[in-house]
Amino acid sequence: MMEDVFDFLRAALPWIVMGLLLAVFFASSAGKEKKEETPDNYGTTGMCLGMCFGTAIGTALGNHIGLGISLGMLIGLVVGSSIKKEGQGDDQKE
């Protein structure tokens, strides 16, 4: 019986995490339409790095790549969204 619960959680957890990831992503982008100038953040960079680290950790802990990727993306998005980019003007881009 308990093994069935674990099998269900292994199958459903990536979908739940991806749903939470989309909810956080859309919630953060919903307020951007109202403001003309919003500060940038590192959400995309955090997702990319989280996916890489999640894949590595998922592989190291026993072939749980799907869980590692989805959890890594979620954690990377949350951490990256909380770090604001410093304003870069036209003079500082070079």
PDB file of N, CA and C in Angstrom:
ATOM      1  N   MET A   1       0.827  -1.191   0.000  1.00  0.00           N
ATOM      2  CA  MET A   1       0.000   0.000   0.000  1.00  0.00           C
ATOM      3  C   MET A   1       0.875   1.260   0.000  1.00  0.00           C
ATOM      4  N   MET A   2       1.872   1.304   0.857  1.00  0.00           N
ATOM      5  CA  MET A   2       2.729   2.482   0.941  1.00  0.00           C
ATOM      6  C   MET A   2       3.567   2.629  -0.332  1.00  0.00           C
ATOM      7  N   GLU A   3       3.907   1.515  -0.934  1.00  0.00           N
ATOM      8  CA  GLU A   3       4.666   1.555  -2.179  1.00  0.00           C
ATOM      9  C   GLU A   3       3.835   2.187  -3.302  1.00  0.00           C
ATOM     10  N   ASP A   4       2.538   1.964  -3.291  1.00  0.00           N
ATOM     11  CA  ASP A   4       1.653   2.575  -4.281  1.00  0.00           C
ATOM     12  C   ASP A   4       1.614   4.095  -4.126  1.00  0.00           C
ATOM     13  N   VAL A   5       1.641   4.549  -2.884  1.00  0.00           N
ATOM     14  CA  VAL A   5       1.642   5.991  -2.622  1.00  0.00           C
ATOM     15  C   VAL A   5       2.933   6.613  -3.148  1.00  0.00           C
ATOM     16  N   PHE A   6       4.062   5.946  -2.911  1.00  0.00           N
ATOM     17  CA  PHE A   6       5.339   6.467  -3.395  1.00  0.00           C
ATOM     18  C   PHE A   6       5.399   6.454  -4.918  1.00  0.00           C
ATOM     19  N   ASP A   7       4.848   5.445  -5.545  1.00  0.00           N
ATOM     20  CA  ASP A   7       4.797   5.404  -7.005  1.00  0.00           C
ATOM     21  C   ASP A   7       3.954   6.552  -7.556  1.00  0.00           C
ATOM     22  N   PHE A   8       2.840   6.819  -6.899  1.00  0.00           N
ATOM     23  CA  PHE A   8       1.995   7.936  -7.328  1.00  0.00           C
ATOM     24  C   PHE A   8       2.729   9.272  -7.167  1.00  0.00           C
ATOM     25  N   LEU A   9       3.416   9.452  -6.036  1.00  0.00           N
ATOM     26  CA  LEU A   9       4.129  10.705  -5.812  1.00  0.00           C
ATOM     27  C   LEU A   9       5.263  10.888  -6.811  1.00  0.00           C
ATOM     28  N   ARG A  10       5.969   9.812  -7.141  1.00  0.00           N
ATOM     29  CA  ARG A  10       7.033   9.916  -8.141  1.00  0.00           C
ATOM     30  C   ARG A  10       6.477  10.282  -9.506  1.00  0.00           C
ATOM     31  N   ALA A  11       5.278   9.843  -9.809  1.00  0.00           N
ATOM     32  CA  ALA A  11       4.681  10.159 -11.104  1.00  0.00           C
ATOM     33  C   ALA A  11       4.060  11.560 -11.114  1.00  0.00           C
ATOM     34  N   ALA A  12       3.481  11.990 -10.011  1.00  0.00           N
ATOM     35  CA  ALA A  12       2.738  13.248  -9.989  1.00  0.00           C
ATOM     36  C   ALA A  12       3.582  14.451  -9.587  1.00  0.00           C
ATOM     37  N   LEU A  13       4.658  14.239  -8.869  1.00  0.00           N
ATOM     38  CA  LEU A  13       5.430  15.369  -8.348  1.00  0.00           C
ATOM     39  C   LEU A  13       6.003  16.273  -9.433  1.00  0.00           C
ATOM     40  N   PRO A  14       6.549  15.763 -10.540  1.00  0.00           N
ATOM     41  CA  PRO A  14       7.028  16.695 -11.567  1.00  0.00           C
ATOM     42  C   PRO A  14       5.918  17.570 -12.140  1.00  0.00           C
ATOM     43  N   TRP A  15       4.719  17.029 -12.297  1.00  0.00           N
ATOM     44  CA  TRP A  15       3.603  17.832 -12.815  1.00  0.00           C
ATOM     45  C   TRP A  15       3.176  18.892 -11.812  1.00  0.00           C
ATOM     46  N   ILE A  16       3.186  18.558 -10.553  1.00  0.00           N
ATOM     47  CA  ILE A  16       2.825  19.527  -9.508  1.00  0.00           C
ATOM     48  C   ILE A  16       3.851  20.650  -9.463  1.00  0.00           C
ATOM     49  N   VAL A  17       5.117  20.297  -9.534  1.00  0.00           N
ATOM     50  CA  VAL A  17       6.179  21.302  -9.489  1.00  0.00           C
ATOM     51  C   VAL A  17       6.120  22.197 -10.719  1.00  0.00           C
ATOM     52  N   MET A  18       5.862  21.624 -11.889  1.00  0.00           N
ATOM     53  CA  MET A  18       5.761  22.444 -13.090  1.00  0.00           C
ATOM     54  C   MET A  18       4.551  23.391 -13.008  1.00  0.00           C
ATOM     55  N   GLY A  19       3.461  22.936 -12.405  1.00  0.00           N
ATOM     56  CA  GLY A  19       2.310  23.814 -12.193  1.00  0.00           C
ATOM     57  C   GLY A  19       2.640  24.963 -11.272  1.00  0.00           C
ATOM     58  N   LEU A  20       3.374  24.684 -10.203  1.00  0.00           N
ATOM     59  CA  LEU A  20       3.802  25.752  -9.294  1.00  0.00           C
ATOM     60  C   LEU A  20       4.762  26.707  -9.987  1.00  0.00           C
ATOM     61  N   LEU A  21       5.642  26.167 -10.825  1.00  0.00           N
ATOM     62  CA  LEU A  21       6.575  27.002 -11.574  1.00  0.00           C
ATOM     63  C   LEU A  21       5.830  27.957 -12.490  1.00  0.00           C
ATOM     64  N   LEU A  22       4.841  27.450 -13.200  1.00  0.00           N
ATOM     65  CA  LEU A  22       4.043  28.317 -14.076  1.00  0.00           C
ATOM     66  C   LEU A  22       3.251  29.346 -13.281  1.00  0.00           C
ATOM     67  N   ALA A  23       2.738  28.952 -12.124  1.00  0.00           N
ATOM     68  CA  ALA A  23       1.982  29.893 -11.300  1.00  0.00           C
ATOM     69  C   ALA A  23       2.873  31.033 -10.823  1.00  0.00           C
ATOM     70  N   VAL A  24       4.094  30.723 -10.386  1.00  0.00           N
ATOM     71  CA  VAL A  24       5.022  31.763  -9.938  1.00  0.00           C
ATOM     72  C   VAL A  24       5.423  32.649 -11.109  1.00  0.00           C
ATOM     73  N   PHE A  25       5.670  32.044 -12.253  1.00  0.00           N
ATOM     74  CA  PHE A  25       6.081  32.809 -13.431  1.00  0.00           C
ATOM     75  C   PHE A  25       4.992  33.772 -13.884  1.00  0.00           C
ATOM     76  N   PHE A  26       3.753  33.283 -13.974  1.00  0.00           N
ATOM     77  CA  PHE A  26       2.661  34.144 -14.420  1.00  0.00           C
ATOM     78  C   PHE A  26       2.283  35.175 -13.362  1.00  0.00           C
ATOM     79  N   ALA A  27       2.414  34.844 -12.105  1.00  0.00           N
ATOM     80  CA  ALA A  27       2.117  35.816 -11.056  1.00  0.00           C
ATOM     81  C   ALA A  27       3.137  36.947 -11.063  1.00  0.00           C
ATOM     82  N   SER A  28       4.391  36.626 -11.332  1.00  0.00           N
ATOM     83  CA  SER A  28       5.401  37.685 -11.362  1.00  0.00           C
ATOM     84  C   SER A  28       5.280  38.542 -12.611  1.00  0.00           C
ATOM     85  N   SER A  29       4.816  37.967 -13.713  1.00  0.00           N
ATOM     86  CA  SER A  29       4.683  38.755 -14.938  1.00  0.00           C
ATOM     87  C   SER A  29       3.341  39.482 -15.026  1.00  0.00           C
ATOM     88  N   ALA A  30       2.391  39.181 -14.163  1.00  0.00           N
ATOM     89  CA  ALA A  30       1.086  39.832 -14.216  1.00  0.00           C
ATOM     90  C   ALA A  30       1.179  41.305 -13.823  1.00  0.00           C
ATOM     91  N   GLY A  31       2.017  41.637 -12.881  1.00  0.00           N
ATOM     92  CA  GLY A  31       2.145  43.013 -12.439  1.00  0.00           C
ATOM     93  C   GLY A  31       2.976  43.875 -13.364  1.00  0.00           C
ATOM     94  N   LYS A  32       3.670  43.272 -14.305  1.00  0.00           N
ATOM     95  CA  LYS A  32       4.545  44.042 -15.182  1.00  0.00           C
ATOM     96  C   LYS A  32       3.781  44.876 -16.196  1.00  0.00           C
ATOM     97  N   GLU A  33       2.566  44.514 -16.522  1.00  0.00           N
ATOM     98  CA  GLU A  33       1.797  45.266 -17.496  1.00  0.00           C
ATOM     99  C   GLU A  33       1.312  46.599 -16.921  1.00  0.00           C
ATOM    100  N   LYS A  34       1.131  46.669 -15.634  1.00  0.00           N
ATOM    101  CA  LYS A  34       0.613  47.879 -15.010  1.00  0.00           C
ATOM    102  C   LYS A  34       1.702  48.942 -14.858  1.00  0.00           C
ATOM    103  N   LYS A  35       2.925  48.527 -14.630  1.00  0.00           N
ATOM    104  CA  LYS A  35       4.015  49.462 -14.433  1.00  0.00           C
ATOM    105  C   LYS A  35       4.732  49.696 -15.761  1.00  0.00           C
ATOM    106  N   GLU A  36       5.165  50.924 -15.969  1.00  0.00           N
ATOM    107  CA  GLU A  36       5.884  51.208 -17.202  1.00  0.00           C
ATOM    108  C   GLU A  36       7.332  50.750 -17.121  1.00  0.00           C
ATOM    109  N   GLU A  37       7.952  50.997 -16.001  1.00  0.00           N
ATOM    110  CA  GLU A  37       9.355  50.625 -15.864  1.00  0.00           C
ATOM    111  C   GLU A  37       9.505  49.723 -14.639  1.00  0.00           C
ATOM    112  N   THR A  38       9.775  48.474 -14.882  1.00  0.00           N
ATOM    113  CA  THR A  38       9.938  47.526 -13.791  1.00  0.00           C
ATOM    114  C   THR A  38      11.399  47.131 -13.673  1.00  0.00           C
ATOM    115  N   PRO A  39      11.880  46.931 -12.471  1.00  0.00           N
ATOM    116  CA  PRO A  39      13.267  46.484 -12.320  1.00  0.00           C
ATOM    117  C   PRO A  39      13.415  45.041 -12.814  1.00  0.00           C
ATOM    118  N   ASP A  40      14.498  44.790 -13.506  1.00  0.00           N
ATOM    119  CA  ASP A  40      14.755  43.447 -14.004  1.00  0.00           C
ATOM    120  C   ASP A  40      15.246  42.558 -12.877  1.00  0.00           C
ATOM    121  N   ASN A  41      15.087  41.250 -13.085  1.00  0.00           N
ATOM    122  CA  ASN A  41      15.592  40.295 -12.118  1.00  0.00           C
ATOM    123  C   ASN A  41      16.276  39.152 -12.852  1.00  0.00           C
ATOM    124  N   TYR A  42      16.835  38.248 -12.110  1.00  0.00           N
ATOM    125  CA  TYR A  42      17.589  37.134 -12.663  1.00  0.00           C
ATOM    126  C   TYR A  42      16.756  35.854 -12.688  1.00  0.00           C
ATOM    127  N   GLY A  43      15.458  35.942 -12.956  1.00  0.00           N
ATOM    128  CA  GLY A  43      14.590  34.771 -12.954  1.00  0.00           C
ATOM    129  C   GLY A  43      14.961  33.757 -14.016  1.00  0.00           C
ATOM    130  N   THR A  44      15.239  34.218 -15.220  1.00  0.00           N
ATOM    131  CA  THR A  44      15.587  33.316 -16.317  1.00  0.00           C
ATOM    132  C   THR A  44      16.945  32.663 -16.080  1.00  0.00           C
ATOM    133  N   THR A  45      17.900  33.441 -15.622  1.00  0.00           N
ATOM    134  CA  THR A  45      19.213  32.890 -15.321  1.00  0.00           C
ATOM    135  C   THR A  45      19.128  31.884 -14.191  1.00  0.00           C
ATOM    136  N   GLY A  46      18.311  32.185 -13.186  1.00  0.00           N
ATOM    137  CA  GLY A  46      18.128  31.247 -12.080  1.00  0.00           C
ATOM    138  C   GLY A  46      17.492  29.943 -12.525  1.00  0.00           C
ATOM    139  N   MET A  47      16.536  30.036 -13.454  1.00  0.00           N
ATOM    140  CA  MET A  47      15.913  28.811 -13.973  1.00  0.00           C
ATOM    141  C   MET A  47      16.921  27.951 -14.722  1.00  0.00           C
ATOM    142  N   CYS A  48      17.765  28.592 -15.514  1.00  0.00           N
ATOM    143  CA  CYS A  48      18.774  27.838 -16.274  1.00  0.00           C
ATOM    144  C   CYS A  48      19.786  27.171 -15.350  1.00  0.00           C
ATOM    145  N   LEU A  49      20.280  27.926 -14.392  1.00  0.00           N
ATOM    146  CA  LEU A  49      21.236  27.345 -13.453  1.00  0.00           C
ATOM    147  C   LEU A  49      20.582  26.281 -12.577  1.00  0.00           C
ATOM    148  N   GLY A  50      19.342  26.523 -12.174  1.00  0.00           N
ATOM    149  CA  GLY A  50      18.627  25.535 -11.374  1.00  0.00           C
ATOM    150  C   GLY A  50      18.397  24.243 -12.127  1.00  0.00           C
ATOM    151  N   MET A  51      18.128  24.357 -13.432  1.00  0.00           N
ATOM    152  CA  MET A  51      17.942  23.154 -14.238  1.00  0.00           C
ATOM    153  C   MET A  51      19.243  22.356 -14.321  1.00  0.00           C
ATOM    154  N   CYS A  52      20.366  23.058 -14.486  1.00  0.00           N
ATOM    155  CA  CYS A  52      21.659  22.367 -14.552  1.00  0.00           C
ATOM    156  C   CYS A  52      21.997  21.687 -13.231  1.00  0.00           C
ATOM    157  N   PHE A  53      21.852  22.422 -12.132  1.00  0.00           N
ATOM    158  CA  PHE A  53      22.154  21.835 -10.833  1.00  0.00           C
ATOM    159  C   PHE A  53      21.157  20.740 -10.470  1.00  0.00           C
ATOM    160  N   GLY A  54      19.900  20.918 -10.829  1.00  0.00           N
ATOM    161  CA  GLY A  54      18.893  19.893 -10.562  1.00  0.00           C
ATOM    162  C   GLY A  54      19.162  18.605 -11.306  1.00  0.00           C
ATOM    163  N   THR A  55      19.623  18.719 -12.557  1.00  0.00           N
ATOM    164  CA  THR A  55      19.980  17.528 -13.320  1.00  0.00           C
ATOM    165  C   THR A  55      21.153  16.802 -12.679  1.00  0.00           C
ATOM    166  N   ALA A  56      22.155  17.562 -12.263  1.00  0.00           N
ATOM    167  CA  ALA A  56      23.323  16.953 -11.634  1.00  0.00           C
ATOM    168  C   ALA A  56      22.964  16.280 -10.314  1.00  0.00           C
ATOM    169  N   ILE A  57      22.176  16.948  -9.503  1.00  0.00           N
ATOM    170  CA  ILE A  57      21.796  16.379  -8.204  1.00  0.00           C
ATOM    171  C   ILE A  57      20.863  15.196  -8.389  1.00  0.00           C
ATOM    172  N   GLY A  58      19.922  15.301  -9.335  1.00  0.00           N
ATOM    173  CA  GLY A  58      19.013  14.187  -9.600  1.00  0.00           C
ATOM    174  C   GLY A  58      19.741  12.948 -10.085  1.00  0.00           C
ATOM    175  N   THR A  59      20.764  13.136 -10.900  1.00  0.00           N
ATOM    176  CA  THR A  59      21.555  12.012 -11.388  1.00  0.00           C
ATOM    177  C   THR A  59      22.398  11.423 -10.256  1.00  0.00           C
ATOM    178  N   ALA A  60      22.965  12.283  -9.429  1.00  0.00           N
ATOM    179  CA  ALA A  60      23.819  11.804  -8.346  1.00  0.00           C
ATOM    180  C   ALA A  60      23.031  11.053  -7.277  1.00  0.00           C
ATOM    181  N   LEU A  61      21.775  11.395  -7.099  1.00  0.00           N
ATOM    182  CA  LEU A  61      20.980  10.763  -6.043  1.00  0.00           C
ATOM    183  C   LEU A  61      20.159   9.588  -6.533  1.00  0.00           C
ATOM    184  N   GLY A  62      20.457   9.061  -7.699  1.00  0.00           N
ATOM    185  CA  GLY A  62      19.806   7.828  -8.078  1.00  0.00           C
ATOM    186  C   GLY A  62      18.836   7.924  -9.225  1.00  0.00           C
ATOM    187  N   ASN A  63      19.236   8.568 -10.307  1.00  0.00           N
ATOM    188  CA  ASN A  63      18.460   8.585 -11.537  1.00  0.00           C
ATOM    189  C   ASN A  63      17.064   9.192 -11.369  1.00  0.00           C
ATOM    190  N   HIS A  64      16.979  10.300 -10.680  1.00  0.00           N
ATOM    191  CA  HIS A  64      15.733  11.061 -10.536  1.00  0.00           C
ATOM    192  C   HIS A  64      15.879  12.370 -11.302  1.00  0.00           C
ATOM    193  N   ILE A  65      16.157  12.267 -12.581  1.00  0.00           N
ATOM    194  CA  ILE A  65      16.454  13.443 -13.393  1.00  0.00           C
ATOM    195  C   ILE A  65      15.226  14.341 -13.541  1.00  0.00           C
ATOM    196  N   GLY A  66      14.058  13.755 -13.747  1.00  0.00           N
ATOM    197  CA  GLY A  66      12.840  14.546 -13.912  1.00  0.00           C
ATOM    198  C   GLY A  66      12.522  15.382 -12.692  1.00  0.00           C
ATOM    199  N   LEU A  67      12.654  14.785 -11.526  1.00  0.00           N
ATOM    200  CA  LEU A  67      12.422  15.539 -10.288  1.00  0.00           C
ATOM    201  C   LEU A  67      13.483  16.612 -10.097  1.00  0.00           C
ATOM    202  N   GLY A  68      14.726  16.270 -10.412  1.00  0.00           N
ATOM    203  CA  GLY A  68      15.805  17.234 -10.246  1.00  0.00           C
ATOM    204  C   GLY A  68      15.643  18.443 -11.138  1.00  0.00           C
ATOM    205  N   ILE A  69      15.260  18.203 -12.400  1.00  0.00           N
ATOM    206  CA  ILE A  69      15.076  19.319 -13.337  1.00  0.00           C
ATOM    207  C   ILE A  69      13.930  20.220 -12.890  1.00  0.00           C
ATOM    208  N   SER A  70      12.797  19.619 -12.550  1.00  0.00           N
ATOM    209  CA  SER A  70      11.639  20.439 -12.201  1.00  0.00           C
ATOM    210  C   SER A  70      11.838  21.177 -10.882  1.00  0.00           C
ATOM    211  N   LEU A  71      12.384  20.519  -9.891  1.00  0.00           N
ATOM    212  CA  LEU A  71      12.634  21.209  -8.619  1.00  0.00           C
ATOM    213  C   LEU A  71      13.735  22.254  -8.759  1.00  0.00           C
ATOM    214  N   GLY A  72      14.747  21.949  -9.563  1.00  0.00           N
ATOM    215  CA  GLY A  72      15.819  22.921  -9.793  1.00  0.00           C
ATOM    216  C   GLY A  72      15.316  24.174 -10.478  1.00  0.00           C
ATOM    217  N   MET A  73      14.430  24.000 -11.464  1.00  0.00           N
ATOM    218  CA  MET A  73      13.864  25.171 -12.143  1.00  0.00           C
ATOM    219  C   MET A  73      13.018  26.010 -11.192  1.00  0.00           C
ATOM    220  N   LEU A  74      12.234  25.346 -10.357  1.00  0.00           N
ATOM    221  CA  LEU A  74      11.384  26.076  -9.416  1.00  0.00           C
ATOM    222  C   LEU A  74      12.221  26.845  -8.404  1.00  0.00           C
ATOM    223  N   ILE A  75      13.198  26.194  -7.828  1.00  0.00           N
ATOM    224  CA  ILE A  75      14.053  26.860  -6.835  1.00  0.00           C
ATOM    225  C   ILE A  75      14.869  27.967  -7.501  1.00  0.00           C
ATOM    226  N   GLY A  76      15.373  27.711  -8.725  1.00  0.00           N
ATOM    227  CA  GLY A  76      16.133  28.737  -9.437  1.00  0.00           C
ATOM    228  C   GLY A  76      15.303  29.954  -9.772  1.00  0.00           C
ATOM    229  N   LEU A  77      14.033  29.740 -10.163  1.00  0.00           N
ATOM    230  CA  LEU A  77      13.154  30.872 -10.463  1.00  0.00           C
ATOM    231  C   LEU A  77      12.874  31.695  -9.215  1.00  0.00           C
ATOM    232  N   VAL A  78      12.632  31.031  -8.107  1.00  0.00           N
ATOM    233  CA  VAL A  78      12.346  31.761  -6.863  1.00  0.00           C
ATOM    234  C   VAL A  78      13.562  32.556  -6.409  1.00  0.00           C
ATOM    235  N   VAL A  79      14.734  31.931  -6.437  1.00  0.00           N
ATOM    236  CA  VAL A  79      15.947  32.626  -5.998  1.00  0.00           C
ATOM    237  C   VAL A  79      16.302  33.735  -6.983  1.00  0.00           C
ATOM    238  N   GLY A  80      16.232  33.456  -8.279  1.00  0.00           N
ATOM    239  CA  GLY A  80      16.576  34.471  -9.281  1.00  0.00           C
ATOM    240  C   GLY A  80      15.621  35.642  -9.295  1.00  0.00           C
ATOM    241  N   SER A  81      14.351  35.400  -9.030  1.00  0.00           N
ATOM    242  CA  SER A  81      13.370  36.489  -9.014  1.00  0.00           C
ATOM    243  C   SER A  81      13.547  37.397  -7.810  1.00  0.00           C
ATOM    244  N   SER A  82      14.137  36.886  -6.762  1.00  0.00           N
ATOM    245  CA  SER A  82      14.319  37.706  -5.570  1.00  0.00           C
ATOM    246  C   SER A  82      15.556  38.600  -5.662  1.00  0.00           C
ATOM    247  N   ILE A  83      16.420  38.358  -6.641  1.00  0.00           N
ATOM    248  CA  ILE A  83      17.617  39.180  -6.821  1.00  0.00           C
ATOM    249  C   ILE A  83      17.356  40.174  -7.946  1.00  0.00           C
ATOM    250  N   LYS A  84      17.397  41.445  -7.631  1.00  0.00           N
ATOM    251  CA  LYS A  84      17.124  42.495  -8.610  1.00  0.00           C
ATOM    252  C   LYS A  84      18.408  42.883  -9.340  1.00  0.00           C
ATOM    253  N   LYS A  85      18.287  43.148 -10.646  1.00  0.00           N
ATOM    254  CA  LYS A  85      19.423  43.622 -11.433  1.00  0.00           C
ATOM    255  C   LYS A  85      19.629  45.105 -11.177  1.00  0.00           C
ATOM    256  N   GLU A  86      20.870  45.496 -11.196  1.00  0.00           N
ATOM    257  CA  GLU A  86      21.180  46.911 -11.077  1.00  0.00           C
ATOM    258  C   GLU A  86      20.869  47.575 -12.400  1.00  0.00           C
ATOM    259  N   GLY A  87      20.406  48.799 -12.361  1.00  0.00           N
ATOM    260  CA  GLY A  87      20.040  49.514 -13.575  1.00  0.00           C
ATOM    261  C   GLY A  87      21.232  49.751 -14.479  1.00  0.00           C
ATOM    262  N   GLN A  88      21.097  49.345 -15.732  1.00  0.00           N
ATOM    263  CA  GLN A  88      22.147  49.584 -16.713  1.00  0.00           C
ATOM    264  C   GLN A  88      21.656  50.626 -17.702  1.00  0.00           C
ATOM    265  N   GLY A  89      22.279  51.747 -17.715  1.00  0.00           N
ATOM    266  CA  GLY A  89      21.929  52.782 -18.670  1.00  0.00           C
ATOM    267  C   GLY A  89      22.611  52.510 -20.011  1.00  0.00           C
ATOM    268  N   ASP A  90      22.420  53.425 -20.950  1.00  0.00           N
ATOM    269  CA  ASP A  90      23.052  53.271 -22.258  1.00  0.00           C
ATOM    270  C   ASP A  90      24.562  53.368 -22.173  1.00  0.00           C
ATOM    271  N   ASP A  91      25.054  54.118 -21.197  1.00  0.00           N
ATOM    272  CA  ASP A  91      26.503  54.302 -21.067  1.00  0.00           C
ATOM    273  C   ASP A  91      27.184  53.048 -20.525  1.00  0.00           C
ATOM    274  N   GLN A  92      26.513  52.260 -19.715  1.00  0.00           N
ATOM    275  CA  GLN A  92      27.128  51.129 -19.034  1.00  0.00           C
ATOM    276  C   GLN A  92      27.030  49.823 -19.818  1.00  0.00           C
ATOM    277  N   LYS A  93      26.345  49.790 -20.932  1.00  0.00           N
ATOM    278  CA  LYS A  93      26.173  48.546 -21.673  1.00  0.00           C
ATOM    279  C   LYS A  93      27.415  48.115 -22.424  1.00  0.00           C
ATOM    280  N   GLU A  94      28.332  49.019 -22.690  1.00  0.00           N
ATOM    281  CA  GLU A  94      29.524  48.688 -23.459  1.00  0.00           C
ATOM    282  C   GLU A  94      30.544  47.982 -22.656  1.00  0.00           C
TER     283      GLU A  94
END
